């Protein structure tokens, strides 16, 4: 194989490894201002007279029966049960399964622990599975109503211990304001529920992270589910704690960041996160939270202003997160969304993005082409030198470098554009593979999901053909045997790209077409320039002879 290709691979890996030291992946995030959703939740406390009333003194009601309440908003459909005062269903209306009709369910049936459960070891299952009183009815926020509230409360008359949960729903967000009032309770765990937010665990081919994730002391901490055997308690400031998969997540965002974050295994295959609360005033205490359960869409997560967008790993590469890739990926994703804003087709937006990247690299690729063309032209001279100084390596190297210097040839010039595009390629891989915006995004005809591979394999084959054409017209300084071996490279890449996302294959194919066009144009102008130079030289000689 050509030495420059090997050198290119080595340099690429060294650049990426070196960047991990220059740009550490585990960064401490700057503190943000208090979130808008938390502020809205706090405002709700002042307006709610029920929260200022002692638990159990609201009404002298008989023991309630189990009741199911529904909450319908333009974004999701949820069900709650007064057994434990928790959610038992959460369906996303704007996101579907692969059949394009069934709504995505963020809560699985048959789970052991429902979201918003309160666990108190000294109280047994009373507040975990007991039947709460309910204030409020079914909520329909999909028909013009802006917000609504449901309140659960339960008090143990024998001990004087009580719990009240107030949930405030809004029509324009996946966030729910949660307020928990406790009486005579020294401590409790507020839990997100079993696997809430994990829609799919992923198969063997999945790359990325699925499971518990928390932002503690402004650092993102992840716990691998398969390695989790006992409860983990994090000391420090808890900004949020969440369960996430590739495209979705559910998170608890405490208003009081001094609570302790916990991660625990409920049973085999079920995991949860939550917070451990030690009330400052056990006799009567109120804590406020925001529950988020929805898509990992960048604009939505950024609007919460608590760094939940850090759950989108733009920097994944070779079993880790690389800052240099993340630094490139986020601007590229913003540009892609800009093109989508007026094309309304991510496939066309990818083409525009590819053209933009190609234009940016034109000066480098032009120099690369000239360098490769120069290397091709001096091959006969280098071959003669190798024969002449075959027994004198120092002299041979000196003569070769002199030729490079005289003809202004950079022997590594052909590698530079390829090296610089490696982080771009990896960044685009992450964008097309992990962002929910590309999930089920159609292009045209049979390409109906740019995040998935082309099931008809048309795009990979076309990509391989364009790569073969590009290789045939590209200047080379390889000997015939090496050239024949390199002809198999497009076939290898085609096979390699069969299971890559259609968006990434589309990018590579369009990039090849643009490279072919640039090479043809450059070769044409180069030939015309040489022809004019030759005519001028002959004319000059004719003038001198006359």
Protein backbone atom coordinates (compact mmCIF):
# COMPACT_ATOMS: atom_id res chain seq x y z
CA UNK A 1 0.00 0.00 0.00
CA UNK A 2 1.24 3.51 -0.70
CA UNK A 3 3.43 4.90 2.08
CA UNK A 4 1.52 8.20 2.12
CA UNK A 5 -1.71 6.40 3.00
CA UNK A 6 -0.06 4.70 5.98
CA UNK A 7 1.44 8.03 7.04
CA UNK A 8 -1.95 9.71 6.69
CA UNK A 9 -3.58 7.17 9.03
CA UNK A 10 -0.81 7.51 11.61
CA UNK A 11 -0.94 11.32 11.56
CA UNK A 12 -4.76 11.29 11.85
CA UNK A 13 -4.69 9.09 14.94
CA UNK A 14 -1.90 11.19 16.50
CA UNK A 15 -3.89 14.38 15.92
CA UNK A 16 -6.98 12.95 17.58
CA UNK A 17 -5.02 11.48 20.50
CA UNK A 18 -3.13 14.72 20.99
CA UNK A 19 -6.37 16.69 20.98
CA UNK A 20 -7.58 14.71 23.98
CA UNK A 21 -4.81 16.35 25.99
CA UNK A 22 -5.19 19.80 24.48
CA UNK A 23 -9.00 19.69 24.84
CA UNK A 24 -9.88 17.42 27.79
CA UNK A 25 -13.20 15.59 27.33
CA UNK A 26 -14.23 15.79 31.01
CA UNK A 27 -14.73 19.51 31.30
CA UNK A 28 -16.19 21.49 34.16
CA UNK A 29 -19.17 23.44 32.88
CA UNK A 30 -19.70 27.09 33.84
CA UNK A 31 -22.61 27.87 36.14
CA UNK A 32 -25.80 28.95 34.39
CA UNK A 33 -28.57 31.17 35.67
CA UNK A 34 -31.62 29.61 37.26
CA UNK A 35 -33.84 27.88 34.71
CA UNK A 36 -37.00 29.41 33.37
CA UNK A 37 -39.01 26.26 34.16
CA UNK A 38 -37.85 26.31 37.78
CA UNK A 39 -38.85 29.95 38.08
CA UNK A 40 -42.25 29.13 36.71
CA UNK A 41 -42.54 26.32 39.26
CA UNK A 42 -41.66 28.65 42.11
CA UNK A 43 -44.32 31.09 41.02
CA UNK A 44 -46.85 28.29 41.23
CA UNK A 45 -46.10 27.74 44.93
CA UNK A 46 -47.21 31.23 45.86
CA UNK A 47 -50.51 30.90 44.02
CA UNK A 48 -51.42 27.48 45.44
CA UNK A 49 -53.22 27.84 48.77
CA UNK A 50 -53.39 24.06 49.15
CA UNK A 51 -49.63 23.87 49.66
CA UNK A 52 -49.85 26.23 52.62
CA UNK A 53 -52.45 24.01 54.31
CA UNK A 54 -51.31 21.19 56.62
CA UNK A 55 -51.47 17.79 54.93
CA UNK A 56 -54.54 15.87 56.05
CA UNK A 57 -56.41 19.02 57.07
CA UNK A 58 -57.51 19.72 53.50
CA UNK A 59 -60.65 17.64 53.70
CA UNK A 60 -61.77 14.84 55.96
CA UNK A 61 -62.21 12.35 53.13
CA UNK A 62 -62.73 8.60 53.37
CA UNK A 63 -59.98 6.25 52.19
CA UNK A 64 -59.70 6.67 48.41
CA UNK A 65 -59.84 4.00 45.72
CA UNK A 66 -57.26 3.57 42.99
CA UNK A 67 -57.81 6.12 40.24
CA UNK A 68 -56.19 6.71 36.84
CA UNK A 69 -55.87 10.27 35.55
CA UNK A 70 -54.84 11.32 32.04
CA UNK A 71 -52.92 14.36 30.89
CA UNK A 72 -53.08 15.25 27.22
CA UNK A 73 -50.88 17.99 25.74
CA UNK A 74 -49.82 18.79 22.15
CA UNK A 75 -46.48 17.09 22.93
CA UNK A 76 -47.31 13.99 24.98
CA UNK A 77 -50.02 11.83 26.49
CA UNK A 78 -49.52 10.74 30.10
CA UNK A 79 -51.34 8.65 32.66
CA UNK A 80 -50.99 8.89 36.43
CA UNK A 81 -52.16 6.65 39.23
CA UNK A 82 -52.95 7.69 42.77
CA UNK A 83 -51.29 4.46 43.93
CA UNK A 84 -47.99 5.98 44.91
CA UNK A 85 -48.95 9.26 43.19
CA UNK A 86 -46.85 8.43 40.15
CA UNK A 87 -46.82 8.20 36.36
CA UNK A 88 -47.61 4.92 34.68
CA UNK A 89 -47.57 6.05 31.03
CA UNK A 90 -45.79 8.69 28.95
CA UNK A 91 -46.22 8.65 25.15
CA UNK A 92 -44.60 11.21 22.84
CA UNK A 93 -47.00 12.46 20.17
CA UNK A 94 -44.44 13.91 17.75
CA UNK A 95 -42.17 10.84 17.64
CA UNK A 96 -43.11 7.42 16.34
CA UNK A 97 -41.72 3.91 16.14
CA UNK A 98 -40.26 2.60 12.88
CA UNK A 99 -43.80 1.88 11.65
CA UNK A 100 -44.34 5.70 11.58
CA UNK A 101 -47.73 5.37 13.33
CA UNK A 102 -47.20 4.11 16.90
CA UNK A 103 -46.15 6.81 19.36
CA UNK A 104 -42.85 6.38 21.20
CA UNK A 105 -43.43 5.15 24.75
CA UNK A 106 -40.95 6.35 27.36
CA UNK A 107 -42.47 4.12 30.05
CA UNK A 108 -42.45 0.36 29.65
CA UNK A 109 -45.29 -1.81 30.88
CA UNK A 110 -44.65 -4.10 33.82
CA UNK A 111 -41.92 -2.02 35.44
CA UNK A 112 -41.32 -2.34 39.18
CA UNK A 113 -40.96 1.35 40.04
CA UNK A 114 -43.09 4.16 38.62
CA UNK A 115 -41.73 7.69 38.02
CA UNK A 116 -42.00 10.20 40.90
CA UNK A 117 -42.11 7.46 43.53
CA UNK A 118 -41.07 8.35 47.08
CA UNK A 119 -39.07 5.73 48.94
CA UNK A 120 -38.66 5.85 52.72
CA UNK A 121 -37.07 2.75 54.17
CA UNK A 122 -38.34 3.42 57.69
CA UNK A 123 -41.94 3.84 56.43
CA UNK A 124 -42.15 0.66 54.37
CA UNK A 125 -44.39 0.91 51.29
CA UNK A 126 -46.92 3.38 52.70
CA UNK A 127 -45.80 6.40 50.66
CA UNK A 128 -44.30 4.28 47.87
CA UNK A 129 -47.34 2.18 46.97
CA UNK A 130 -50.11 3.56 49.17
CA UNK A 131 -53.25 5.07 47.64
CA UNK A 132 -53.17 8.86 47.73
CA UNK A 133 -56.07 11.31 47.82
CA UNK A 134 -56.39 13.33 44.61
CA UNK A 135 -57.20 16.98 43.96
CA UNK A 136 -57.80 17.50 40.26
CA UNK A 137 -59.24 15.74 37.24
CA UNK A 138 -58.10 14.66 33.78
CA UNK A 139 -56.26 17.47 31.99
CA UNK A 140 -56.65 18.32 28.32
CA UNK A 141 -54.05 20.92 27.36
CA UNK A 142 -54.26 20.10 23.67
CA UNK A 143 -57.36 22.23 23.08
CA UNK A 144 -56.25 25.69 24.14
CA UNK A 145 -55.76 25.43 27.91
CA UNK A 146 -52.25 26.56 28.87
CA UNK A 147 -51.62 24.69 32.12
CA UNK A 148 -53.22 22.49 34.74
CA UNK A 149 -52.47 20.99 38.15
CA UNK A 150 -52.96 17.62 39.83
CA UNK A 151 -52.25 17.14 43.55
CA UNK A 152 -51.74 13.88 45.44
CA UNK A 153 -51.65 13.77 49.23
CA UNK A 154 -51.44 11.08 51.89
CA UNK A 155 -51.11 11.26 55.69
CA UNK A 156 -50.53 8.60 58.31
CA UNK A 157 -52.78 9.62 61.18
CA UNK A 158 -50.96 7.37 63.63
CA UNK A 159 -47.53 8.97 63.13
CA UNK A 160 -48.47 12.39 61.78
CA UNK A 161 -46.25 11.84 58.76
CA UNK A 162 -47.56 13.10 55.44
CA UNK A 163 -46.69 13.71 51.80
CA UNK A 164 -48.19 16.02 49.22
CA UNK A 165 -47.18 16.10 45.55
CA UNK A 166 -48.22 18.93 43.28
CA UNK A 167 -47.69 18.45 39.53
CA UNK A 168 -48.12 21.41 37.18
CA UNK A 169 -48.35 20.63 33.46
CA UNK A 170 -47.87 23.06 30.56
CA UNK A 171 -49.03 22.91 26.97
CA UNK A 172 -45.74 24.03 25.37
CA UNK A 173 -43.03 21.96 27.07
CA UNK A 174 -42.02 18.44 28.01
CA UNK A 175 -41.17 19.76 31.48
CA UNK A 176 -43.45 19.28 34.49
CA UNK A 177 -43.12 21.37 37.64
CA UNK A 178 -43.10 19.17 40.74
CA UNK A 179 -43.44 20.32 44.33
CA UNK A 180 -43.22 17.91 47.25
CA UNK A 181 -44.34 18.88 50.71
CA UNK A 182 -43.52 16.57 53.62
CA UNK A 183 -44.43 16.61 57.30
CA UNK A 184 -42.44 14.90 60.05
CA UNK A 185 -40.31 12.98 57.56
CA UNK A 186 -36.54 13.03 58.26
CA UNK A 187 -35.44 11.80 54.80
CA UNK A 188 -36.71 10.32 51.56
CA UNK A 189 -35.60 9.30 48.08
CA UNK A 190 -37.40 10.88 45.13
CA UNK A 191 -36.97 8.45 42.21
CA UNK A 192 -37.32 8.78 38.46
CA UNK A 193 -38.70 5.26 38.02
CA UNK A 194 -37.47 2.10 36.30
CA UNK A 195 -35.86 2.84 32.92
CA UNK A 196 -38.01 5.97 32.44
CA UNK A 197 -36.68 7.72 29.33
CA UNK A 198 -34.94 4.65 27.91
CA UNK A 199 -36.94 3.82 24.82
CA UNK A 200 -34.48 1.32 23.34
CA UNK A 201 -31.41 -0.29 24.85
CA UNK A 202 -29.66 -0.68 21.50
CA UNK A 203 -28.24 -3.76 19.81
CA UNK A 204 -24.67 -5.07 19.54
CA UNK A 205 -23.87 -2.58 16.77
CA UNK A 206 -24.86 0.42 18.91
CA UNK A 207 -22.17 2.96 19.71
CA UNK A 208 -22.63 5.56 22.39
CA UNK A 209 -24.04 5.51 25.91
CA UNK A 210 -27.37 4.33 27.35
CA UNK A 211 -28.17 4.53 31.04
CA UNK A 212 -27.89 6.74 34.14
CA UNK A 213 -26.26 10.15 33.66
CA UNK A 214 -25.91 13.00 36.16
CA UNK A 215 -24.45 16.48 36.27
CA UNK A 216 -22.62 16.69 39.61
CA UNK A 217 -20.48 19.70 40.52
CA UNK A 218 -20.78 20.81 36.88
CA UNK A 219 -19.31 17.52 35.59
CA UNK A 220 -21.20 14.90 33.61
CA UNK A 221 -20.97 11.47 35.25
CA UNK A 222 -22.19 8.26 33.61
CA UNK A 223 -22.79 4.86 35.18
CA UNK A 224 -22.62 1.80 32.93
CA UNK A 225 -25.75 -0.28 33.73
CA UNK A 226 -24.01 -3.65 33.32
CA UNK A 227 -21.47 -2.65 35.99
CA UNK A 228 -24.02 -1.29 38.46
CA UNK A 229 -24.49 -3.72 41.35
CA UNK A 230 -25.25 -1.47 44.32
CA UNK A 231 -26.63 1.98 45.01
CA UNK A 232 -24.30 4.85 44.13
CA UNK A 233 -24.63 8.14 46.01
CA UNK A 234 -22.96 11.29 44.65
CA UNK A 235 -21.88 13.98 47.07
CA UNK A 236 -21.91 17.52 45.73
CA UNK A 237 -24.13 19.89 43.82
CA UNK A 238 -26.73 18.04 41.74
CA UNK A 239 -27.86 20.03 38.71
CA UNK A 240 -29.78 17.10 37.24
CA UNK A 241 -29.89 13.32 37.17
CA UNK A 242 -31.29 11.40 34.22
CA UNK A 243 -31.83 8.17 32.32
CA UNK A 244 -31.04 8.40 28.62
CA UNK A 245 -30.82 6.38 25.45
CA UNK A 246 -29.74 7.34 21.96
CA UNK A 247 -32.62 9.73 21.22
CA UNK A 248 -34.65 10.25 24.42
CA UNK A 249 -34.23 10.93 28.11
CA UNK A 250 -36.03 11.61 31.36
CA UNK A 251 -34.45 13.86 33.97
CA UNK A 252 -35.03 15.22 37.45
CA UNK A 253 -33.86 18.80 37.93
CA UNK A 254 -33.88 19.85 41.61
CA UNK A 255 -34.29 23.51 42.48
CA UNK A 256 -32.17 22.93 45.58
CA UNK A 257 -28.93 21.60 44.12
CA UNK A 258 -27.64 20.55 47.55
CA UNK A 259 -29.62 17.29 47.44
CA UNK A 260 -27.63 14.10 46.85
CA UNK A 261 -27.94 12.29 43.54
CA UNK A 262 -28.41 8.52 43.60
CA UNK A 263 -28.20 5.75 41.02
CA UNK A 264 -29.54 2.29 41.82
CA UNK A 265 -30.44 -1.04 40.30
CA UNK A 266 -34.12 -1.83 40.95
CA UNK A 267 -33.85 -5.40 39.72
CA UNK A 268 -32.25 -7.24 36.79
CA UNK A 269 -32.69 -5.07 33.70
CA UNK A 270 -34.24 -2.15 35.60
CA UNK A 271 -32.36 0.93 36.76
CA UNK A 272 -33.34 4.26 38.23
CA UNK A 273 -31.89 7.56 39.32
CA UNK A 274 -33.15 10.07 41.82
CA UNK A 275 -32.28 12.37 44.66
CA UNK A 276 -31.89 11.80 48.38
CA UNK A 277 -33.56 14.61 50.33
CA UNK A 278 -32.79 15.52 53.94
CA UNK A 279 -35.42 18.16 54.81
CA UNK A 280 -33.97 21.21 56.54
CA UNK A 281 -37.19 21.49 58.56
CA UNK A 282 -38.55 17.93 58.99
CA UNK A 283 -41.75 19.18 60.66
CA UNK A 284 -42.82 20.88 57.43
CA UNK A 285 -40.66 21.03 54.31
CA UNK A 286 -41.20 21.83 50.62
CA UNK A 287 -38.88 20.83 47.77
CA UNK A 288 -39.24 21.84 44.12
CA UNK A 289 -38.17 19.94 41.02
CA UNK A 290 -38.62 19.92 37.29
CA UNK A 291 -39.31 16.63 35.54
CA UNK A 292 -38.33 16.48 31.88
CA UNK A 293 -39.26 13.53 29.67
CA UNK A 294 -38.84 13.94 25.95
CA UNK A 295 -36.53 13.99 22.93
CA UNK A 296 -32.83 14.82 23.04
CA UNK A 297 -33.39 17.68 20.64
CA UNK A 298 -30.64 20.26 20.98
CA UNK A 299 -32.85 23.37 20.90
CA UNK A 300 -35.26 21.91 23.47
CA UNK A 301 -32.53 20.83 25.89
CA UNK A 302 -30.69 24.14 25.59
CA UNK A 303 -33.91 26.03 26.42
CA UNK A 304 -33.94 24.39 29.88
CA UNK A 305 -30.62 26.14 30.62
CA UNK A 306 -29.16 23.37 32.81
CA UNK A 307 -26.73 21.72 30.35
CA UNK A 308 -29.03 18.80 29.56
CA UNK A 309 -27.70 19.15 26.01
CA UNK A 310 -24.50 17.50 27.30
CA UNK A 311 -26.36 14.18 27.05
CA UNK A 312 -25.99 14.48 23.25
CA UNK A 313 -22.50 13.11 22.65
CA UNK A 314 -21.22 14.93 19.58
CA UNK A 315 -17.67 13.84 20.38
CA UNK A 316 -17.82 10.04 20.31
CA UNK A 317 -14.87 8.33 18.62
CA UNK A 318 -13.10 5.02 19.35
CA UNK A 319 -14.73 4.15 22.68
CA UNK A 320 -14.56 7.63 24.14
CA UNK A 321 -15.60 11.25 23.83
CA UNK A 322 -13.17 13.54 22.00
CA UNK A 323 -13.33 17.29 22.48
CA UNK A 324 -11.84 18.09 19.06
CA UNK A 325 -14.69 16.16 17.40
CA UNK A 326 -17.30 17.86 19.59
CA UNK A 327 -15.86 21.30 18.82
CA UNK A 328 -16.29 20.61 15.10
CA UNK A 329 -19.63 18.79 15.30
CA UNK A 330 -21.75 21.42 17.04
CA UNK A 331 -21.06 24.21 14.49
CA UNK A 332 -21.57 21.76 11.62
CA UNK A 333 -24.90 20.72 13.13
CA UNK A 334 -25.94 24.38 13.43
CA UNK A 335 -25.05 24.98 9.77
CA UNK A 336 -26.97 21.84 8.77
CA UNK A 337 -30.05 23.09 10.62
CA UNK A 338 -29.64 26.49 8.97
CA UNK A 339 -29.81 24.87 5.52
CA UNK A 340 -32.75 22.75 6.67
CA UNK A 341 -34.62 25.88 7.79
CA UNK A 342 -35.21 26.88 4.16
CA UNK A 343 -34.89 23.55 2.29
CA UNK A 344 -37.13 21.58 4.71
CA UNK A 345 -35.28 18.45 3.61
CA UNK A 346 -32.26 17.18 5.53
CA UNK A 347 -30.98 15.35 2.44
CA UNK A 348 -30.78 18.60 0.48
CA UNK A 349 -29.37 20.32 3.58
CA UNK A 350 -26.59 17.68 3.67
CA UNK A 351 -25.75 18.44 0.03
CA UNK A 352 -25.51 22.17 0.81
CA UNK A 353 -23.36 21.41 3.86
CA UNK A 354 -21.05 19.20 1.77
CA UNK A 355 -20.63 21.97 -0.81
CA UNK A 356 -19.83 24.46 1.98
CA UNK A 357 -17.19 22.17 3.48
CA UNK A 358 -15.71 21.53 0.03
CA UNK A 359 -15.47 25.25 -0.71
CA UNK A 360 -13.70 25.73 2.62
CA UNK A 361 -11.13 23.09 1.67
CA UNK A 362 -10.62 24.24 -1.96
CA UNK A 363 -7.26 25.99 -1.32
CA UNK A 364 -5.88 22.92 0.47
CA UNK A 365 -7.17 20.41 -2.07
CA UNK A 366 -5.81 22.56 -4.91
CA UNK A 367 -2.37 22.54 -3.30
CA UNK A 368 -2.73 18.83 -2.70
CA UNK A 369 -3.52 18.22 -6.37
CA UNK A 370 -0.54 20.30 -7.49
CA UNK A 371 1.73 18.46 -5.07
CA UNK A 372 0.54 15.06 -6.30
CA UNK A 373 0.88 16.18 -9.92
CA UNK A 374 4.41 17.40 -9.21
CA UNK A 375 5.27 14.11 -7.53
CA UNK A 376 3.99 12.27 -10.59
CA UNK A 377 6.12 14.39 -12.93
CA UNK A 378 9.37 13.86 -11.01
CA UNK A 379 8.96 10.09 -10.69
CA UNK A 380 11.25 9.35 -13.69
CA UNK A 381 13.92 11.64 -12.20
CA UNK A 382 13.59 10.00 -8.78
CA UNK A 383 13.83 6.57 -10.38
CA UNK A 384 17.10 7.55 -12.08
CA UNK A 385 18.47 8.92 -8.80
CA UNK A 386 17.57 5.70 -7.00
CA UNK A 387 19.56 3.73 -9.55
CA UNK A 388 22.46 6.18 -9.50
CA UNK A 389 22.78 6.38 -5.70
CA UNK A 390 21.42 3.00 -4.69
CA UNK A 391 24.48 2.41 -2.50
CA UNK A 392 24.59 5.92 -1.04
CA UNK A 393 21.38 6.60 0.94
CA UNK A 394 22.46 9.97 2.44
CA UNK A 395 23.34 11.33 -1.00
CA UNK A 396 20.11 9.95 -2.46
CA UNK A 397 17.99 11.65 0.22
CA UNK A 398 19.88 14.91 -0.26
CA UNK A 399 19.34 14.86 -4.04
CA UNK A 400 15.64 14.02 -3.64
CA UNK A 401 15.10 16.87 -1.17
CA UNK A 402 16.93 19.22 -3.53
CA UNK A 403 14.53 18.28 -6.33
CA UNK A 404 11.54 18.85 -4.03
CA UNK A 405 12.94 22.24 -3.05
CA UNK A 406 13.75 23.29 -6.61
CA UNK A 407 10.32 22.31 -7.95
CA UNK A 408 8.47 23.53 -4.82
CA UNK A 409 6.97 20.12 -4.09
CA UNK A 410 5.72 19.12 -0.64
CA UNK A 411 5.81 15.29 -0.48
CA UNK A 412 3.24 15.34 2.35
CA UNK A 413 1.02 17.93 0.68
CA UNK A 414 -1.33 15.31 -0.70
CA UNK A 415 -2.09 14.01 2.81
CA UNK A 416 -3.03 17.27 4.53
CA UNK A 417 -6.62 17.64 3.23
CA UNK A 418 -7.33 14.00 4.10
CA UNK A 419 -5.91 14.40 7.61
CA UNK A 420 -7.93 17.56 8.28
CA UNK A 421 -11.14 15.95 7.04
CA UNK A 422 -10.91 12.98 9.43
CA UNK A 423 -12.33 14.96 12.41
CA UNK A 424 -14.99 16.40 10.08
CA UNK A 425 -15.97 12.92 8.95
CA UNK A 426 -16.19 11.62 12.54
CA UNK A 427 -18.18 14.71 13.57
CA UNK A 428 -20.67 14.12 10.75
CA UNK A 429 -20.88 10.44 11.70
CA UNK A 430 -21.99 11.50 15.20
CA UNK A 431 -24.45 14.06 13.86
CA UNK A 432 -26.15 11.61 11.52
CA UNK A 433 -26.06 8.78 14.04
CA UNK A 434 -27.06 10.42 17.33
CA UNK A 435 -29.20 13.52 16.67
CA UNK A 436 -32.94 13.02 16.83
CA UNK A 437 -33.45 15.64 14.11
CA UNK A 438 -32.13 13.10 11.56
CA UNK A 439 -34.20 10.24 12.99
CA UNK A 440 -36.82 9.22 10.37
CA UNK A 441 -35.79 12.25 8.28
CA UNK A 442 -36.58 11.46 4.60
CA UNK A 443 -34.55 12.47 1.55
CA UNK A 444 -36.32 11.22 -1.58
CA UNK A 445 -37.74 8.05 -3.10
CA UNK A 446 -36.53 5.01 -1.13
CA UNK A 447 -34.34 6.99 1.31
CA UNK A 448 -36.85 7.65 4.10
CA UNK A 449 -34.52 7.73 7.11
CA UNK A 450 -31.17 9.50 6.83
CA UNK A 451 -30.08 8.18 10.24
CA UNK A 452 -30.48 4.58 9.06
CA UNK A 453 -28.53 2.65 6.44
CA UNK A 454 -29.79 2.45 2.86
CA UNK A 455 -31.73 -0.81 2.85
CA UNK A 456 -31.52 -0.99 -0.97
CA UNK A 457 -27.74 -0.27 -0.89
CA UNK A 458 -28.02 2.15 -3.82
CA UNK A 459 -26.20 5.05 -2.13
CA UNK A 460 -23.18 2.94 -1.02
CA UNK A 461 -22.80 1.52 -4.54
CA UNK A 462 -23.00 5.00 -6.10
CA UNK A 463 -20.48 6.20 -3.53
CA UNK A 464 -18.13 3.37 -4.49
CA UNK A 465 -18.46 4.21 -8.19
CA UNK A 466 -17.65 7.88 -7.60
CA UNK A 467 -14.67 6.87 -5.48
CA UNK A 468 -13.40 4.61 -8.28
CA UNK A 469 -13.72 7.42 -10.84
CA UNK A 470 -11.95 9.84 -8.50
CA UNK A 471 -9.10 7.40 -8.02
CA UNK A 472 -8.71 6.80 -11.77
CA UNK A 473 -8.32 10.50 -12.61
CA UNK A 474 -6.21 11.37 -9.57
CA UNK A 475 -2.47 11.86 -10.18
CA UNK A 476 -0.41 9.12 -8.57
CA UNK A 477 3.22 8.27 -8.08
CA UNK A 478 2.62 4.59 -7.32
CA UNK A 479 4.14 1.78 -9.30
CA UNK A 480 1.70 -0.34 -11.40
CA UNK A 481 1.47 -3.12 -8.80
CA UNK A 482 0.51 -0.69 -6.03
CA UNK A 483 -1.97 1.01 -8.37
CA UNK A 484 -3.74 -2.31 -9.00
CA UNK A 485 -3.98 -2.99 -5.28
CA UNK A 486 -5.40 0.49 -4.66
CA UNK A 487 -8.15 -0.19 -7.20
CA UNK A 488 -9.72 -2.46 -4.59
CA UNK A 489 -10.03 0.45 -2.15
CA UNK A 490 -13.40 1.69 -3.52
CA UNK A 491 -14.76 -1.85 -3.20
CA UNK A 492 -13.56 -2.06 0.41
CA UNK A 493 -15.08 1.34 1.23
CA UNK A 494 -18.37 0.36 -0.42
CA UNK A 495 -18.59 -2.73 1.76
CA UNK A 496 -17.56 -0.69 4.80
CA UNK A 497 -20.30 1.93 4.16
CA UNK A 498 -23.14 -0.55 3.64
CA UNK A 499 -24.31 -0.19 7.25
CA UNK A 500 -23.47 3.48 7.70
CA UNK A 501 -26.27 6.03 7.93
CA UNK A 502 -27.66 7.19 4.59
CA UNK A 503 -26.84 10.78 5.52
CA UNK A 504 -23.15 9.99 5.93
CA UNK A 505 -22.99 7.99 2.69
CA UNK A 506 -24.75 10.86 0.89
CA UNK A 507 -22.16 13.29 2.24
CA UNK A 508 -19.25 11.10 1.08
CA UNK A 509 -20.77 10.53 -2.35
CA UNK A 510 -21.42 14.24 -2.96
CA UNK A 511 -17.93 15.04 -1.68
CA UNK A 512 -16.48 12.57 -4.21
CA UNK A 513 -18.47 14.16 -7.05
CA UNK A 514 -17.24 17.62 -6.06
CA UNK A 515 -13.65 16.32 -5.84
CA UNK A 516 -13.93 14.80 -9.32
CA UNK A 517 -15.24 18.10 -10.67
CA UNK A 518 -12.43 20.04 -9.03
CA UNK A 519 -9.78 17.65 -10.35
CA UNK A 520 -11.14 17.82 -13.90
CA UNK A 521 -11.26 21.63 -13.83
CA UNK A 522 -7.80 21.90 -12.25
CA UNK A 523 -6.31 19.46 -14.77
CA UNK A 524 -7.89 21.37 -17.67
CA UNK A 525 -6.55 24.74 -16.56
CA UNK A 526 -3.17 23.20 -15.77
CA UNK A 527 -2.97 21.72 -19.27
CA UNK A 528 -4.02 25.03 -20.85
CA UNK A 529 -1.39 26.84 -18.79
CA UNK A 530 1.34 24.47 -19.93
CA UNK A 531 0.18 24.75 -23.53
CA UNK A 532 0.34 28.56 -23.41
CA UNK A 533 3.74 28.38 -21.72
CA UNK A 534 4.98 26.08 -24.48
CA UNK A 535 3.70 28.40 -27.23
CA UNK A 536 5.33 31.38 -25.53
CA UNK A 537 8.63 29.51 -25.27
CA UNK A 538 8.58 28.58 -28.97
CA UNK A 539 7.68 32.16 -29.93
CA UNK A 540 10.58 33.47 -27.87
CA UNK A 541 13.02 31.10 -29.55
CA UNK A 542 11.74 32.09 -33.00
CA UNK A 543 12.25 35.79 -32.22
CA UNK A 544 15.80 35.16 -31.02
CA UNK A 545 16.72 33.11 -34.13
CA UNK A 546 15.45 35.85 -36.42
